[in-house]
Structure formats: C-alpha cells, structure tokens
Amino acid sequence: MARRGAKWGLLTASTTAPLLGSAAFDYSQFTSYNDRTRAMLEGNWQSCRESDGKYAERVYDGKLPGLGPFELHMGPYHEFALFRGVQDEHRDHASSDNLLRPYTVEVVGLAAKHKWETSGLRLDVTLAGGSREDCESWWVTLRRADSSSSH
C-alpha cells in the first residue's frame, strides 16, 4: 500500500512541477512537441506584443553535420530568419546573410503558411491563430531536407 502512495506522490510532483515552472515564462515562448517525427525542432511558437509595442522574437541555436552551427530566428511577428553560425549580437533579418527568402510570411485573411528548403534544412511554418488578441501562434517544424525529394 505504501508503494502505491509513493507512485502517486511521484506522479503528482512530476506533473505539478512543470506547470508551476511554466508560469515564470514570458509571453513569447516555444513549446516543443517533437516526439517521433525526426524533426530537429517542432512545436508551437507564439509571438506576443510586449510592453514597448514590439513583438517578441525567439532564437534557436542548432548544429547540423555538413551545415555546422546555425541560428533560427522566429519572430518578431511574421518574420523568420536562418543564419549560418551563432553569435550574441542580433542580426538583421533583411540581411543577405539570412538564408530565408522571403523572410516575412504573407498573411491572407487569417491564414499563412510557408515552406523553405535551404542549406540542407527544411523549415515549415503555419499560422495557428493566437491565444490572445496581441499574440500570433505559429506551428514550426525544422528538419533535414529530404535529399531524395524531387523538389
């Protein structure tokens, strides 16, 4: 009987801790849902308007054999950027170093979707609405480009 109580206590603690920890995040966050898709990054990115009126941005640093280190910039708002190398200074998404063209995803009505394939990577983004009026939610998937593909 004591063993059953210990299991429930562990389950309760392991469920509650992430919920309490998530309250510390700001409004712009990335929630990973990658489990079996073989994607390097897959999940929900939310770009929200901050107190200064600007939308939030998140930068994901990765490393891929053949490409080396890279940065994926999600946001602000409808912008995405992919740069070779990793650096502390912010990079201009309009820069010629950005491997994604166009870097701003066009929204038509309430829908937006774009797919880039460059430098051995494939990035898919889809506008998924927003949980608040001042936020945009994007479904983002980053994976290796399929070299056997005909496109």
N, C-alpha and C. Protein backbone atom coordinates (compact mmCIF):
# COMPACT_ATOMS: atom_id res chain seq x y z
N MET A 1 0.82 -1.19 0.00
CA MET A 1 0.00 0.00 0.00
C MET A 1 0.87 1.26 0.00
N ALA A 2 1.96 1.25 0.77
CA ALA A 2 2.85 2.40 0.82
C ALA A 2 3.50 2.64 -0.53
N ARG A 3 3.75 1.57 -1.27
CA ARG A 3 4.38 1.70 -2.57
C ARG A 3 3.44 2.43 -3.55
N ARG A 4 2.15 2.12 -3.50
CA ARG A 4 1.17 2.77 -4.35
C ARG A 4 1.11 4.27 -4.05
N GLY A 5 1.14 4.64 -2.76
CA GLY A 5 1.13 6.04 -2.36
C GLY A 5 2.36 6.78 -2.85
N ALA A 6 3.51 6.11 -2.81
CA ALA A 6 4.75 6.73 -3.29
C ALA A 6 4.68 6.99 -4.79
N LYS A 7 4.07 6.06 -5.55
CA LYS A 7 3.94 6.25 -7.00
C LYS A 7 3.05 7.46 -7.30
N TRP A 8 1.91 7.57 -6.59
CA TRP A 8 1.01 8.71 -6.80
C TRP A 8 1.67 10.01 -6.40
N GLY A 9 2.46 9.98 -5.34
CA GLY A 9 3.17 11.19 -4.91
C GLY A 9 4.17 11.63 -5.96
N LEU A 10 4.89 10.67 -6.55
CA LEU A 10 5.86 10.97 -7.60
C LEU A 10 5.14 11.50 -8.84
N LEU A 11 4.03 10.88 -9.20
CA LEU A 11 3.27 11.33 -10.36
C LEU A 11 2.75 12.75 -10.16
N THR A 12 2.22 13.03 -8.98
CA THR A 12 1.71 14.37 -8.69
C THR A 12 2.83 15.40 -8.74
N ALA A 13 3.98 15.07 -8.15
CA ALA A 13 5.11 16.01 -8.14
C ALA A 13 5.64 16.25 -9.55
N SER A 14 5.74 15.18 -10.35
CA SER A 14 6.29 15.35 -11.69
C SER A 14 5.32 16.07 -12.63
N THR A 15 4.03 16.05 -12.32
CA THR A 15 3.04 16.77 -13.11
C THR A 15 2.94 18.23 -12.69
N THR A 16 3.00 18.49 -11.41
CA THR A 16 2.83 19.84 -10.88
C THR A 16 4.05 20.72 -11.12
N ALA A 17 5.24 20.18 -10.99
CA ALA A 17 6.47 20.98 -11.13
C ALA A 17 6.56 21.71 -12.47
N PRO A 18 6.33 21.03 -13.62
CA PRO A 18 6.39 21.77 -14.88
C PRO A 18 5.33 22.85 -15.00
N LEU A 19 4.15 22.60 -14.45
CA LEU A 19 3.10 23.62 -14.52
C LEU A 19 3.47 24.86 -13.73
N LEU A 20 4.04 24.67 -12.55
CA LEU A 20 4.46 25.82 -11.75
C LEU A 20 5.63 26.54 -12.41
N GLY A 21 6.55 25.79 -13.00
CA GLY A 21 7.70 26.40 -13.66
C GLY A 21 7.31 27.17 -14.90
N SER A 22 6.22 26.74 -15.57
CA SER A 22 5.83 27.43 -16.80
C SER A 22 5.29 28.82 -16.53
N ALA A 23 4.85 29.09 -15.32
CA ALA A 23 4.33 30.42 -15.01
C ALA A 23 5.42 31.48 -15.07
N ALA A 24 6.67 31.07 -14.97
CA ALA A 24 7.77 32.03 -15.00
C ALA A 24 8.12 32.48 -16.41
N PHE A 25 7.63 31.78 -17.46
CA PHE A 25 7.94 32.16 -18.83
C PHE A 25 7.23 33.45 -19.20
N ASP A 26 7.85 34.21 -20.11
CA ASP A 26 7.16 35.38 -20.61
C ASP A 26 6.18 34.95 -21.70
N TYR A 27 5.54 35.89 -22.35
CA TYR A 27 4.51 35.56 -23.32
C TYR A 27 5.06 34.95 -24.59
N SER A 28 6.28 35.25 -24.96
CA SER A 28 6.85 34.69 -26.18
C SER A 28 7.62 33.44 -25.82
N GLN A 29 7.13 32.33 -26.30
CA GLN A 29 7.80 31.09 -25.95
C GLN A 29 7.63 30.08 -27.06
N PHE A 30 8.44 29.04 -26.98
CA PHE A 30 8.36 27.93 -27.92
C PHE A 30 8.04 26.69 -27.12
N THR A 31 7.01 25.99 -27.49
CA THR A 31 6.65 24.76 -26.82
C THR A 31 6.92 23.61 -27.78
N SER A 32 7.83 22.73 -27.42
CA SER A 32 8.23 21.64 -28.29
C SER A 32 7.26 20.47 -28.18
N TYR A 33 6.90 19.93 -29.34
CA TYR A 33 6.04 18.76 -29.40
C TYR A 33 6.73 17.61 -30.13
N ASN A 34 8.02 17.71 -30.34
CA ASN A 34 8.75 16.72 -31.10
C ASN A 34 8.83 15.42 -30.32
N ASP A 35 8.33 14.35 -30.90
CA ASP A 35 8.46 13.07 -30.24
C ASP A 35 9.01 12.01 -31.19
N ARG A 36 8.38 11.81 -32.33
CA ARG A 36 8.83 10.76 -33.23
C ARG A 36 8.93 11.21 -34.68
N THR A 37 8.91 12.48 -34.95
CA THR A 37 8.86 12.95 -36.33
C THR A 37 10.24 13.10 -36.95
N ARG A 38 11.28 12.92 -36.17
CA ARG A 38 12.66 13.09 -36.62
C ARG A 38 12.98 14.53 -36.97
N ALA A 39 12.15 15.45 -36.51
CA ALA A 39 12.41 16.87 -36.71
C ALA A 39 13.42 17.33 -35.67
N MET A 40 14.26 18.29 -36.05
CA MET A 40 15.20 18.89 -35.10
C MET A 40 14.46 19.77 -34.12
N LEU A 41 13.42 20.41 -34.62
CA LEU A 41 12.63 21.33 -33.82
C LEU A 41 11.21 21.26 -34.35
N GLU A 42 10.26 21.04 -33.46
CA GLU A 42 8.87 21.00 -33.88
C GLU A 42 8.01 21.45 -32.70
N GLY A 43 7.14 22.40 -32.95
CA GLY A 43 6.29 22.85 -31.87
C GLY A 43 5.61 24.15 -32.19
N ASN A 44 5.11 24.77 -31.15
CA ASN A 44 4.33 25.98 -31.26
C ASN A 44 5.15 27.18 -30.80
N TRP A 45 5.27 28.18 -31.67
CA TRP A 45 5.97 29.43 -31.35
C TRP A 45 4.92 30.51 -31.25
N GLN A 46 4.96 31.27 -30.19
CA GLN A 46 3.99 32.35 -30.01
C GLN A 46 4.73 33.67 -29.88
N SER A 47 4.41 34.60 -30.77
CA SER A 47 4.99 35.94 -30.75
C SER A 47 3.94 36.91 -30.25
N CYS A 48 4.21 37.52 -29.09
CA CYS A 48 3.23 38.42 -28.47
C CYS A 48 3.78 39.84 -28.41
N ARG A 49 2.87 40.80 -28.43
CA ARG A 49 3.25 42.20 -28.30
C ARG A 49 3.69 42.45 -26.86
N GLU A 50 4.87 43.06 -26.72
CA GLU A 50 5.40 43.34 -25.40
C GLU A 50 5.01 44.75 -24.96
N SER A 51 5.40 45.14 -23.78
CA SER A 51 5.01 46.44 -23.22
C SER A 51 5.48 47.62 -24.07
N ASP A 52 6.57 47.44 -24.85
CA ASP A 52 7.06 48.52 -25.71
C ASP A 52 6.35 48.57 -27.06
N GLY A 53 5.36 47.67 -27.28
CA GLY A 53 4.60 47.66 -28.52
C GLY A 53 5.19 46.77 -29.60
N LYS A 54 6.42 46.28 -29.39
CA LYS A 54 7.07 45.41 -30.37
C LYS A 54 6.72 43.95 -30.08
N TYR A 55 6.79 43.15 -31.13
CA TYR A 55 6.52 41.72 -30.97
C TYR A 55 7.79 40.97 -30.60
N ALA A 56 7.61 39.88 -29.87
CA ALA A 56 8.73 39.10 -29.36
C ALA A 56 9.37 38.23 -30.44
N GLU A 57 10.61 37.88 -30.19
CA GLU A 57 11.39 37.03 -31.08
C GLU A 57 12.09 35.97 -30.24
N ARG A 58 12.25 34.78 -30.79
CA ARG A 58 12.99 33.71 -30.12
C ARG A 58 14.04 33.20 -31.09
N VAL A 59 15.25 32.93 -30.61
CA VAL A 59 16.33 32.42 -31.44
C VAL A 59 16.69 31.02 -30.97
N TYR A 60 16.67 30.07 -31.90
CA TYR A 60 17.05 28.69 -31.63
C TYR A 60 18.43 28.45 -32.22
N ASP A 61 19.39 28.02 -31.42
CA ASP A 61 20.73 27.68 -31.89
C ASP A 61 20.79 26.18 -32.11
N GLY A 62 21.32 25.78 -33.26
CA GLY A 62 21.43 24.37 -33.58
C GLY A 62 22.76 24.07 -34.24
N LYS A 63 23.02 22.80 -34.44
CA LYS A 63 24.24 22.36 -35.12
C LYS A 63 23.88 21.13 -35.93
N LEU A 64 24.32 21.13 -37.18
CA LEU A 64 24.00 20.04 -38.08
C LEU A 64 25.25 19.65 -38.86
N PRO A 65 25.60 18.37 -38.86
CA PRO A 65 26.76 17.94 -39.66
C PRO A 65 26.59 18.38 -41.11
N GLY A 66 27.60 18.97 -41.67
CA GLY A 66 27.55 19.47 -43.03
C GLY A 66 27.17 20.94 -43.11
N LEU A 67 26.37 21.42 -42.17
CA LEU A 67 25.98 22.83 -42.12
C LEU A 67 26.73 23.54 -41.01
N GLY A 68 27.00 22.82 -39.92
CA GLY A 68 27.66 23.42 -38.77
C GLY A 68 26.65 24.14 -37.90
N PRO A 69 27.13 25.05 -37.04
CA PRO A 69 26.21 25.79 -36.18
C PRO A 69 25.35 26.76 -36.99
N PHE A 70 24.12 26.97 -36.50
CA PHE A 70 23.21 27.89 -37.18
C PHE A 70 22.26 28.48 -36.15
N GLU A 71 21.59 29.58 -36.56
CA GLU A 71 20.55 30.22 -35.74
C GLU A 71 19.26 30.26 -36.54
N LEU A 72 18.18 29.87 -35.91
CA LEU A 72 16.85 30.04 -36.48
C LEU A 72 16.15 31.11 -35.65
N HIS A 73 15.77 32.20 -36.30
CA HIS A 73 15.06 33.30 -35.64
C HIS A 73 13.58 33.14 -35.95
N MET A 74 12.77 33.09 -34.90
CA MET A 74 11.31 33.02 -35.03
C MET A 74 10.76 34.33 -34.50
N GLY A 75 10.09 35.08 -35.37
CA GLY A 75 9.60 36.39 -34.99
C GLY A 75 10.66 37.43 -35.22
N PRO A 76 10.32 38.65 -34.99
CA PRO A 76 9.06 39.10 -34.44
C PRO A 76 7.95 39.03 -35.48
N TYR A 77 6.76 38.82 -34.98
CA TYR A 77 5.53 38.84 -35.76
C TYR A 77 5.56 37.81 -36.86
N HIS A 78 5.61 38.19 -38.14
CA HIS A 78 5.56 37.25 -39.25
C HIS A 78 6.94 36.94 -39.82
N GLU A 79 8.01 37.30 -39.11
CA GLU A 79 9.37 37.15 -39.65
C GLU A 79 10.04 35.86 -39.19
N PHE A 80 10.86 35.31 -40.10
CA PHE A 80 11.69 34.14 -39.79
C PHE A 80 13.04 34.36 -40.47
N ALA A 81 14.09 33.86 -39.83
CA ALA A 81 15.42 34.01 -40.41
C ALA A 81 16.26 32.79 -40.05
N LEU A 82 17.17 32.43 -40.94
CA LEU A 82 18.10 31.32 -40.72
C LEU A 82 19.50 31.81 -41.10
N PHE A 83 20.41 31.75 -40.14
CA PHE A 83 21.77 32.22 -40.36
C PHE A 83 22.76 31.09 -40.07
N ARG A 84 23.83 31.04 -40.85
CA ARG A 84 24.95 30.15 -40.53
C ARG A 84 25.72 30.75 -39.36
N GLY A 85 26.22 29.89 -38.49
CA GLY A 85 26.98 30.36 -37.34
C GLY A 85 26.07 30.85 -36.23
N VAL A 86 26.67 31.04 -35.06
CA VAL A 86 25.95 31.51 -33.89
C VAL A 86 26.69 32.71 -33.34
N GLN A 87 25.98 33.77 -33.02
CA GLN A 87 26.61 34.95 -32.44
C GLN A 87 25.66 35.59 -31.44
N ASP A 88 26.23 36.36 -30.52
CA ASP A 88 25.43 37.01 -29.48
C ASP A 88 24.66 38.23 -30.00
N GLU A 89 25.21 38.95 -30.96
CA GLU A 89 24.58 40.16 -31.47
C GLU A 89 23.38 39.77 -32.33
N HIS A 90 22.36 40.62 -32.27
CA HIS A 90 21.18 40.37 -33.10
C HIS A 90 21.51 40.62 -34.56
N ARG A 91 20.94 39.86 -35.44
CA ARG A 91 21.16 40.02 -36.88
C ARG A 91 19.90 40.54 -37.55
N ASP A 92 20.11 41.39 -38.53
CA ASP A 92 19.02 41.97 -39.29
C ASP A 92 18.45 40.90 -40.23
N HIS A 93 17.16 40.67 -40.15
CA HIS A 93 16.54 39.64 -40.99
C HIS A 93 16.56 40.01 -42.47
N ALA A 94 16.67 41.29 -42.79
CA ALA A 94 16.74 41.73 -44.19
C ALA A 94 18.14 41.54 -44.77
N SER A 95 19.10 41.16 -43.94
CA SER A 95 20.48 40.97 -44.36
C SER A 95 20.61 39.88 -45.42
N SER A 96 21.60 40.02 -46.28
CA SER A 96 21.85 38.99 -47.29
C SER A 96 22.35 37.69 -46.66
N ASP A 97 22.74 37.72 -45.39
CA ASP A 97 23.17 36.51 -44.69
C ASP A 97 21.99 35.63 -44.30
N ASN A 98 20.77 36.18 -44.30
CA ASN A 98 19.59 35.40 -43.99
C ASN A 98 19.33 34.45 -45.15
N LEU A 99 19.30 33.15 -44.87
CA LEU A 99 19.11 32.13 -45.91
C LEU A 99 17.64 31.99 -46.33
N LEU A 100 16.73 32.64 -45.64
CA LEU A 100 15.30 32.51 -45.96
C LEU A 100 14.83 33.71 -46.76
N ARG A 101 14.28 33.44 -47.95
CA ARG A 101 13.69 34.46 -48.81
C ARG A 101 12.34 33.97 -49.27
N PRO A 102 11.30 34.67 -49.11
CA PRO A 102 11.20 35.89 -48.33
C PRO A 102 11.30 35.57 -46.85
N TYR A 103 11.65 36.54 -46.04
CA TYR A 103 11.78 36.29 -44.61
C TYR A 103 10.51 36.66 -43.84
N THR A 104 9.60 37.39 -44.49
CA THR A 104 8.32 37.73 -43.88
C THR A 104 7.24 36.88 -44.55
N VAL A 105 6.47 36.16 -43.73
CA VAL A 105 5.41 35.31 -44.25
C VAL A 105 4.17 36.15 -44.48
N GLU A 106 3.62 36.07 -45.68
CA GLU A 106 2.42 36.84 -46.02
C GLU A 106 1.19 36.20 -45.39
N VAL A 107 0.41 37.02 -44.71
CA VAL A 107 -0.84 36.57 -44.10
C VAL A 107 -1.99 37.04 -44.98
N VAL A 108 -2.84 36.12 -45.40
CA VAL A 108 -4.00 36.44 -46.22
C VAL A 108 -5.23 36.05 -45.42
N GLY A 109 -6.02 37.04 -45.06
CA GLY A 109 -7.16 36.80 -44.17
C GLY A 109 -6.62 36.42 -42.80
N LEU A 110 -6.92 35.23 -42.37
CA LEU A 110 -6.40 34.72 -41.10
C LEU A 110 -5.49 33.52 -41.32
N ALA A 111 -5.01 33.33 -42.56
CA ALA A 111 -4.20 32.16 -42.88
C ALA A 111 -2.82 32.55 -43.39
N ALA A 112 -1.84 31.76 -43.01
CA ALA A 112 -0.48 31.95 -43.52
C ALA A 112 0.27 30.63 -43.41
N LYS A 113 1.05 30.35 -44.43
CA LYS A 113 1.84 29.13 -44.44
C LYS A 113 3.01 29.34 -45.38
N HIS A 114 4.18 28.87 -44.99
CA HIS A 114 5.34 28.98 -45.88
C HIS A 114 6.28 27.83 -45.62
N LYS A 115 7.02 27.46 -46.68
CA LYS A 115 7.99 26.37 -46.60
C LYS A 115 9.27 26.84 -47.28
N TRP A 116 10.40 26.69 -46.59
CA TRP A 116 11.70 27.00 -47.16
C TRP A 116 12.54 25.72 -47.15
N GLU A 117 13.37 25.57 -48.17
CA GLU A 117 14.35 24.49 -48.18
C GLU A 117 15.68 25.09 -48.61
N THR A 118 16.66 25.07 -47.70
CA THR A 118 17.94 25.70 -47.97
C THR A 118 19.03 25.08 -47.11
N SER A 119 20.21 24.97 -47.65
CA SER A 119 21.40 24.52 -46.92
C SER A 119 21.18 23.22 -46.15
N GLY A 120 20.44 22.31 -46.74
CA GLY A 120 20.22 21.02 -46.10
C GLY A 120 19.13 21.00 -45.05
N LEU A 121 18.41 22.12 -44.90
CA LEU A 121 17.33 22.20 -43.91
C LEU A 121 16.00 22.53 -44.60
N ARG A 122 14.92 22.07 -43.98
CA ARG A 122 13.58 22.40 -44.44
C ARG A 122 12.82 22.99 -43.26
N LEU A 123 12.29 24.18 -43.45
CA LEU A 123 11.53 24.87 -42.42
C LEU A 123 10.10 25.07 -42.93
N ASP A 124 9.12 24.57 -42.15
CA ASP A 124 7.71 24.75 -42.45
C ASP A 124 7.09 25.57 -41.32
N VAL A 125 6.35 26.61 -41.66
CA VAL A 125 5.64 27.40 -40.64
C VAL A 125 4.19 27.59 -41.09
N THR A 126 3.29 27.50 -40.11
CA THR A 126 1.87 27.68 -40.37
C THR A 126 1.27 28.53 -39.25
N LEU A 127 0.56 29.57 -39.63
CA LEU A 127 -0.12 30.41 -38.64
C LEU A 127 -1.22 29.59 -37.99
N ALA A 128 -1.20 29.56 -36.66
CA ALA A 128 -2.14 28.71 -35.93
C ALA A 128 -3.07 29.52 -35.05
N GLY A 129 -3.24 30.80 -35.34
CA GLY A 129 -4.11 31.64 -34.53
C GLY A 129 -3.36 32.25 -33.37
N GLY A 130 -4.07 32.60 -32.34
CA GLY A 130 -3.43 33.19 -31.17
C GLY A 130 -4.31 32.99 -29.96
N SER A 131 -3.68 32.86 -28.82
CA SER A 131 -4.45 32.65 -27.60
C SER A 131 -4.95 33.98 -27.04
N ARG A 132 -4.31 35.06 -27.47
CA ARG A 132 -4.72 36.40 -27.05
C ARG A 132 -4.74 37.29 -28.29
N GLU A 133 -5.44 38.39 -28.19
CA GLU A 133 -5.57 39.30 -29.32
C GLU A 133 -4.23 39.88 -29.75
N ASP A 134 -3.29 40.04 -28.82
CA ASP A 134 -2.00 40.64 -29.14
C ASP A 134 -0.91 39.59 -29.38
N CYS A 135 -1.28 38.37 -29.71
CA CYS A 135 -0.32 37.30 -29.98
C CYS A 135 -0.62 36.61 -31.30
N GLU A 136 0.43 36.08 -31.90
CA GLU A 136 0.30 35.20 -33.05
C GLU A 136 0.95 33.89 -32.69
N SER A 137 0.30 32.82 -33.05
CA SER A 137 0.79 31.49 -32.76
C SER A 137 1.17 30.81 -34.07
N TRP A 138 2.36 30.24 -34.12
CA TRP A 138 2.86 29.58 -35.32
C TRP A 138 3.23 28.14 -35.01
N TRP A 139 2.90 27.21 -35.90
CA TRP A 139 3.38 25.84 -35.80
C TRP A 139 4.65 25.79 -36.65
N VAL A 140 5.75 25.38 -36.05
CA VAL A 140 7.07 25.41 -36.69
C VAL A 140 7.67 24.01 -36.70
N THR A 141 8.19 23.60 -37.87
CA THR A 141 8.89 22.33 -37.98
C THR A 141 10.19 22.56 -38.74
N LEU A 142 11.31 22.19 -38.13
CA LEU A 142 12.63 22.30 -38.75
C LEU A 142 13.21 20.90 -38.81
N ARG A 143 13.56 20.47 -40.01
CA ARG A 143 14.16 19.14 -40.17
C ARG A 143 15.16 19.18 -41.31
N ARG A 144 15.92 18.10 -41.43
CA ARG A 144 16.82 17.97 -42.57
C ARG A 144 15.99 17.93 -43.85
N ALA A 145 16.53 18.54 -44.91
CA ALA A 145 15.86 18.48 -46.20
C ALA A 145 15.97 17.05 -46.72
N ASP A 146 14.94 16.57 -47.37
CA ASP A 146 14.93 15.23 -47.93
C ASP A 146 15.72 15.25 -49.23
N SER A 147 16.91 14.65 -49.20
CA SER A 147 17.78 14.69 -50.38
C SER A 147 17.24 13.82 -51.50
N SER A 148 16.31 12.88 -51.19
CA SER A 148 15.76 12.03 -52.24
C SER A 148 14.54 12.66 -52.89
N SER A 149 14.12 13.83 -52.37
CA SER A 149 12.94 14.51 -52.89
C SER A 149 13.25 15.13 -54.25
N SER A 150 12.23 15.25 -55.07
CA SER A 150 12.41 15.83 -56.40
C SER A 150 12.23 17.34 -56.43
N HIS A 151 11.89 17.99 -55.30
CA HIS A 151 11.71 19.44 -55.30
C HIS A 151 12.78 20.05 -54.52
